[in-house]
């Protein structure tokens, strides 16, 4: 469904899977943004969605940069509750901070080795 995801690209099937399984949508109705960078809010949301949006027991958090009602609010609670991330500092989650490859594989490792 995305004009910027060409058949034959290494990520073609992954993007289709992510879209079909509601892991993520496009940046617009017709573009995915395969070269766009991801931030921490997006990555924890991808993981949360990929796991089927599991129930979250926690409603409390210590992050001053996270407001209830944001798209990543419940995924952030889930990620912290499950030890996938603790935030950038004791009081900041850093939702807009770019998530580098090391952080992504660390999130994945913690997700699958808890």
N, C-alpha and C. Protein backbone atom coordinates (compact mmCIF):
# COMPACT_ATOMS: atom_id res chain seq x y z
N UNK A 1 0.81 -1.22 0.00
CA UNK A 1 0.00 0.00 0.00
C UNK A 1 0.84 1.28 0.00
N UNK A 2 2.16 1.16 0.09
CA UNK A 2 3.02 2.34 0.21
C UNK A 2 3.83 2.57 -1.05
N UNK A 3 3.80 3.79 -1.54
CA UNK A 3 4.51 4.12 -2.78
C UNK A 3 6.02 4.15 -2.59
N UNK A 4 6.50 4.27 -1.37
CA UNK A 4 7.94 4.32 -1.13
C UNK A 4 8.52 3.00 -0.65
N UNK A 5 7.76 1.92 -0.74
CA UNK A 5 8.24 0.59 -0.40
C UNK A 5 8.14 -0.27 -1.66
N UNK A 6 9.28 -0.45 -2.27
CA UNK A 6 9.32 -1.15 -3.56
C UNK A 6 9.47 -2.65 -3.37
N UNK A 7 8.70 -3.39 -4.16
CA UNK A 7 8.83 -4.84 -4.16
C UNK A 7 10.26 -5.19 -4.52
N UNK A 8 10.83 -6.13 -3.80
CA UNK A 8 12.21 -6.51 -4.02
C UNK A 8 13.18 -5.87 -3.04
N UNK A 9 12.74 -4.81 -2.34
CA UNK A 9 13.61 -4.21 -1.34
C UNK A 9 13.71 -5.16 -0.15
N UNK A 10 14.81 -5.11 0.57
CA UNK A 10 15.03 -6.06 1.66
C UNK A 10 13.98 -5.95 2.75
N UNK A 11 13.33 -4.84 2.88
CA UNK A 11 12.34 -4.63 3.94
C UNK A 11 10.90 -4.76 3.44
N UNK A 12 10.70 -5.06 2.18
CA UNK A 12 9.37 -5.11 1.59
C UNK A 12 8.42 -6.01 2.38
N UNK A 13 8.80 -7.27 2.58
CA UNK A 13 7.92 -8.21 3.29
C UNK A 13 7.74 -7.81 4.75
N UNK A 14 8.77 -7.27 5.37
CA UNK A 14 8.68 -6.86 6.77
C UNK A 14 7.70 -5.70 6.93
N UNK A 15 7.74 -4.75 6.01
CA UNK A 15 6.82 -3.62 6.08
C UNK A 15 5.38 -4.09 5.87
N UNK A 16 5.17 -4.97 4.90
CA UNK A 16 3.82 -5.50 4.68
C UNK A 16 3.33 -6.23 5.92
N UNK A 17 4.18 -7.06 6.51
CA UNK A 17 3.81 -7.79 7.73
C UNK A 17 3.45 -6.82 8.85
N UNK A 18 4.30 -5.82 9.07
CA UNK A 18 4.07 -4.87 10.16
C UNK A 18 2.77 -4.11 9.96
N UNK A 19 2.47 -3.76 8.72
CA UNK A 19 1.24 -3.04 8.42
C UNK A 19 0.02 -3.95 8.57
N UNK A 20 0.10 -5.15 8.03
CA UNK A 20 -1.02 -6.09 8.09
C UNK A 20 -1.32 -6.56 9.52
N UNK A 21 -0.29 -6.59 10.37
CA UNK A 21 -0.45 -7.06 11.75
C UNK A 21 -0.56 -5.93 12.76
N UNK A 22 -0.80 -4.72 12.26
CA UNK A 22 -1.01 -3.55 13.11
C UNK A 22 0.14 -3.26 14.06
N UNK A 23 1.35 -3.63 13.64
CA UNK A 23 2.53 -3.27 14.41
C UNK A 23 2.82 -1.79 14.21
N UNK A 24 2.63 -1.33 12.98
CA UNK A 24 2.78 0.07 12.65
C UNK A 24 2.00 0.39 11.39
N UNK A 25 1.67 1.64 11.23
CA UNK A 25 1.04 2.12 10.01
C UNK A 25 2.07 2.95 9.26
N UNK A 26 1.66 3.53 8.17
CA UNK A 26 2.56 4.40 7.44
C UNK A 26 2.64 5.78 8.06
N UNK A 27 3.56 6.57 7.55
CA UNK A 27 3.63 7.96 7.98
C UNK A 27 2.45 8.75 7.44
N UNK A 28 1.99 8.31 6.25
CA UNK A 28 0.76 8.85 5.65
C UNK A 28 -0.01 7.65 5.10
N UNK A 29 -1.11 7.90 4.46
CA UNK A 29 -1.90 6.81 3.89
C UNK A 29 -1.16 6.10 2.76
N UNK A 30 -0.21 6.77 2.12
CA UNK A 30 0.48 6.17 0.98
C UNK A 30 1.99 6.05 1.13
N UNK A 31 2.56 6.55 2.24
CA UNK A 31 4.00 6.43 2.44
C UNK A 31 4.32 5.79 3.78
N UNK A 32 5.39 5.00 3.78
CA UNK A 32 5.85 4.33 4.99
C UNK A 32 7.01 5.08 5.63
N UNK A 33 7.92 5.59 4.82
CA UNK A 33 9.11 6.27 5.36
C UNK A 33 10.21 5.31 5.74
N UNK A 34 10.62 4.43 4.82
CA UNK A 34 11.60 3.41 5.18
C UNK A 34 12.96 3.95 5.62
N UNK A 35 13.32 5.15 5.25
CA UNK A 35 14.60 5.70 5.67
C UNK A 35 14.46 6.67 6.84
N UNK A 36 13.23 6.88 7.32
CA UNK A 36 13.02 7.77 8.47
C UNK A 36 13.59 7.12 9.73
N UNK A 37 14.10 7.94 10.62
CA UNK A 37 14.62 7.44 11.89
C UNK A 37 13.46 7.20 12.85
N UNK A 38 13.66 6.28 13.80
CA UNK A 38 12.64 6.00 14.81
C UNK A 38 13.07 6.56 16.15
N UNK A 39 12.10 7.01 16.91
CA UNK A 39 12.39 7.45 18.27
C UNK A 39 11.94 6.39 19.26
N UNK A 40 12.28 6.60 20.52
CA UNK A 40 11.98 5.61 21.56
C UNK A 40 10.48 5.35 21.70
N UNK A 41 9.67 6.39 21.55
CA UNK A 41 8.23 6.21 21.64
C UNK A 41 7.74 5.27 20.55
N UNK A 42 8.23 5.43 19.35
CA UNK A 42 7.82 4.57 18.23
C UNK A 42 8.28 3.13 18.45
N UNK A 43 9.52 2.95 18.89
CA UNK A 43 10.06 1.59 19.03
C UNK A 43 9.31 0.81 20.11
N UNK A 44 9.06 1.42 21.27
CA UNK A 44 8.31 0.67 22.29
C UNK A 44 6.88 0.39 21.83
N UNK A 45 6.34 1.28 21.01
CA UNK A 45 5.00 1.05 20.46
C UNK A 45 5.02 -0.11 19.46
N UNK A 46 6.03 -0.18 18.61
CA UNK A 46 6.16 -1.31 17.69
C UNK A 46 6.21 -2.62 18.46
N UNK A 47 7.05 -2.66 19.50
CA UNK A 47 7.20 -3.90 20.29
C UNK A 47 5.89 -4.27 20.98
N UNK A 48 5.26 -3.30 21.59
CA UNK A 48 3.99 -3.52 22.28
C UNK A 48 2.94 -4.05 21.31
N UNK A 49 2.83 -3.43 20.15
CA UNK A 49 1.86 -3.88 19.15
C UNK A 49 2.20 -5.28 18.64
N UNK A 50 3.49 -5.53 18.40
CA UNK A 50 3.92 -6.85 17.89
C UNK A 50 3.61 -7.96 18.89
N UNK A 51 3.59 -7.63 20.18
CA UNK A 51 3.28 -8.63 21.20
C UNK A 51 1.78 -8.76 21.43
N UNK A 52 0.98 -8.09 20.62
CA UNK A 52 -0.46 -8.23 20.72
C UNK A 52 -1.11 -7.28 21.70
N UNK A 53 -0.46 -6.19 22.03
CA UNK A 53 -0.97 -5.19 22.97
C UNK A 53 -1.38 -5.83 24.30
N UNK A 54 -0.39 -6.44 24.97
CA UNK A 54 -0.72 -7.12 26.23
C UNK A 54 -1.24 -6.16 27.30
N UNK A 55 -1.95 -6.74 28.24
CA UNK A 55 -2.49 -5.95 29.35
C UNK A 55 -1.36 -5.37 30.17
N UNK A 56 -1.58 -4.16 30.64
CA UNK A 56 -0.59 -3.47 31.46
C UNK A 56 -1.16 -3.34 32.86
N UNK A 57 -0.38 -3.73 33.85
CA UNK A 57 -0.84 -3.66 35.23
C UNK A 57 -0.53 -2.32 35.88
N UNK A 58 0.52 -1.69 35.44
CA UNK A 58 0.97 -0.44 36.03
C UNK A 58 0.26 0.77 35.42
N UNK A 59 -0.07 1.72 36.24
CA UNK A 59 -0.62 2.98 35.75
C UNK A 59 0.22 4.16 36.23
N UNK A 60 1.22 3.88 37.02
CA UNK A 60 2.09 4.92 37.58
C UNK A 60 3.43 4.90 36.84
N UNK A 61 4.01 6.07 36.70
CA UNK A 61 5.37 6.16 36.16
C UNK A 61 6.05 7.38 36.75
N UNK A 62 7.35 7.45 36.60
CA UNK A 62 8.15 8.52 37.20
C UNK A 62 8.69 9.51 36.18
N UNK A 63 8.24 9.42 34.93
CA UNK A 63 8.81 10.23 33.86
C UNK A 63 8.10 11.57 33.71
N UNK A 64 8.85 12.63 33.79
CA UNK A 64 8.29 13.97 33.67
C UNK A 64 8.02 14.37 32.22
N UNK A 65 8.54 13.60 31.27
CA UNK A 65 8.39 13.93 29.85
C UNK A 65 7.37 13.04 29.13
N UNK A 66 6.52 12.37 29.90
CA UNK A 66 5.49 11.50 29.33
C UNK A 66 4.13 11.92 29.87
N UNK A 67 3.24 12.26 28.96
CA UNK A 67 1.89 12.67 29.35
C UNK A 67 0.88 11.58 28.99
N UNK A 68 -0.06 11.36 29.88
CA UNK A 68 -1.13 10.41 29.61
C UNK A 68 -1.87 10.86 28.34
N UNK A 69 -2.29 9.89 27.55
CA UNK A 69 -3.01 10.20 26.32
C UNK A 69 -2.14 10.18 25.08
N UNK A 70 -0.83 10.18 25.24
CA UNK A 70 0.06 10.09 24.08
C UNK A 70 -0.02 8.68 23.50
N UNK A 71 0.23 8.54 22.20
CA UNK A 71 0.11 7.22 21.55
C UNK A 71 1.02 6.18 22.18
N UNK A 72 2.09 6.60 22.77
CA UNK A 72 3.08 5.67 23.34
C UNK A 72 2.91 5.47 24.85
N UNK A 73 1.91 6.08 25.45
CA UNK A 73 1.76 6.03 26.91
C UNK A 73 1.64 4.59 27.44
N UNK A 74 0.68 3.84 26.93
CA UNK A 74 0.52 2.45 27.39
C UNK A 74 1.71 1.59 26.98
N UNK A 75 2.22 1.68 25.74
CA UNK A 75 3.42 0.91 25.41
C UNK A 75 4.61 1.24 26.33
N UNK A 76 4.76 2.50 26.72
CA UNK A 76 5.84 2.87 27.62
C UNK A 76 5.64 2.21 28.98
N UNK A 77 4.40 2.25 29.51
CA UNK A 77 4.13 1.59 30.78
C UNK A 77 4.46 0.10 30.69
N UNK A 78 4.05 -0.53 29.59
CA UNK A 78 4.32 -1.95 29.38
C UNK A 78 5.82 -2.24 29.32
N UNK A 79 6.55 -1.42 28.57
CA UNK A 79 7.99 -1.63 28.41
C UNK A 79 8.73 -1.50 29.74
N UNK A 80 8.34 -0.52 30.54
CA UNK A 80 8.97 -0.34 31.85
C UNK A 80 8.57 -1.47 32.78
N UNK A 81 7.29 -1.80 32.79
CA UNK A 81 6.78 -2.87 33.66
C UNK A 81 7.48 -4.20 33.37
N UNK A 82 7.84 -4.43 32.12
CA UNK A 82 8.45 -5.69 31.72
C UNK A 82 9.97 -5.63 31.62
N UNK A 83 10.57 -4.55 32.09
CA UNK A 83 12.02 -4.45 32.13
C UNK A 83 12.68 -4.28 30.78
N UNK A 84 11.92 -3.85 29.78
CA UNK A 84 12.48 -3.65 28.45
C UNK A 84 13.27 -2.35 28.41
N UNK A 85 12.81 -1.35 29.14
CA UNK A 85 13.54 -0.10 29.30
C UNK A 85 13.22 0.47 30.68
N UNK A 86 14.16 1.25 31.16
CA UNK A 86 13.94 1.94 32.43
C UNK A 86 13.88 3.44 32.20
N UNK A 87 14.05 3.87 30.97
CA UNK A 87 14.10 5.29 30.66
C UNK A 87 15.53 5.73 30.42
N UNK A 88 15.68 6.97 29.97
CA UNK A 88 17.02 7.50 29.75
C UNK A 88 17.68 7.92 31.04
N UNK A 89 16.87 8.46 31.97
CA UNK A 89 17.36 8.81 33.30
C UNK A 89 16.31 8.35 34.29
N UNK A 90 16.54 8.65 35.53
CA UNK A 90 15.59 8.27 36.57
C UNK A 90 14.22 8.91 36.36
N UNK A 91 14.18 10.10 35.75
CA UNK A 91 12.91 10.82 35.62
C UNK A 91 12.52 11.14 34.18
N UNK A 92 13.29 10.67 33.20
CA UNK A 92 12.94 10.93 31.80
C UNK A 92 12.93 9.65 30.98
N UNK A 93 11.90 9.54 30.17
CA UNK A 93 11.81 8.42 29.24
C UNK A 93 12.49 8.75 27.92
N UNK A 94 12.42 9.99 27.49
CA UNK A 94 13.02 10.40 26.23
C UNK A 94 12.25 9.93 25.02
N UNK A 95 10.94 10.18 24.97
CA UNK A 95 10.13 9.65 23.87
C UNK A 95 10.57 10.12 22.49
N UNK A 96 11.15 11.30 22.40
CA UNK A 96 11.56 11.82 21.10
C UNK A 96 13.02 11.56 20.78
N UNK A 97 13.74 10.91 21.68
CA UNK A 97 15.14 10.59 21.43
C UNK A 97 15.23 9.51 20.36
N UNK A 98 16.16 9.69 19.44
CA UNK A 98 16.36 8.71 18.39
C UNK A 98 16.83 7.41 19.02
N UNK A 99 16.30 6.32 18.56
CA UNK A 99 16.63 5.00 19.08
C UNK A 99 17.67 4.38 18.15
N UNK A 100 18.89 4.21 18.64
CA UNK A 100 19.92 3.64 17.78
C UNK A 100 19.84 2.12 17.74
N UNK A 101 20.61 1.53 16.87
CA UNK A 101 20.57 0.07 16.68
C UNK A 101 20.87 -0.67 17.97
N UNK A 102 21.82 -0.19 18.75
CA UNK A 102 22.17 -0.85 20.01
C UNK A 102 20.99 -0.85 20.98
N UNK A 103 20.26 0.26 21.03
CA UNK A 103 19.10 0.32 21.90
C UNK A 103 18.01 -0.64 21.43
N UNK A 104 17.79 -0.70 20.12
CA UNK A 104 16.75 -1.59 19.60
C UNK A 104 17.07 -3.04 19.93
N UNK A 105 18.32 -3.47 19.68
CA UNK A 105 18.63 -4.87 19.97
C UNK A 105 18.61 -5.13 21.47
N UNK A 106 18.91 -4.13 22.29
CA UNK A 106 18.80 -4.29 23.74
C UNK A 106 17.35 -4.47 24.15
N UNK A 107 16.46 -3.66 23.57
CA UNK A 107 15.03 -3.83 23.85
C UNK A 107 14.57 -5.23 23.45
N UNK A 108 14.99 -5.68 22.26
CA UNK A 108 14.60 -7.02 21.79
C UNK A 108 15.16 -8.10 22.71
N UNK A 109 16.40 -7.97 23.11
CA UNK A 109 17.02 -8.94 24.01
C UNK A 109 16.25 -9.02 25.32
N UNK A 110 15.93 -7.87 25.88
CA UNK A 110 15.20 -7.85 27.16
C UNK A 110 13.79 -8.41 26.99
N UNK A 111 13.18 -8.15 25.85
CA UNK A 111 11.84 -8.66 25.58
C UNK A 111 11.84 -10.18 25.56
N UNK A 112 12.83 -10.76 24.90
CA UNK A 112 12.83 -12.21 24.72
C UNK A 112 13.63 -12.97 25.77
N UNK A 113 14.24 -12.27 26.71
CA UNK A 113 15.03 -12.93 27.75
C UNK A 113 14.63 -12.48 29.14
N UNK A 114 13.35 -12.22 29.34
CA UNK A 114 12.89 -11.78 30.66
C UNK A 114 12.48 -12.95 31.49
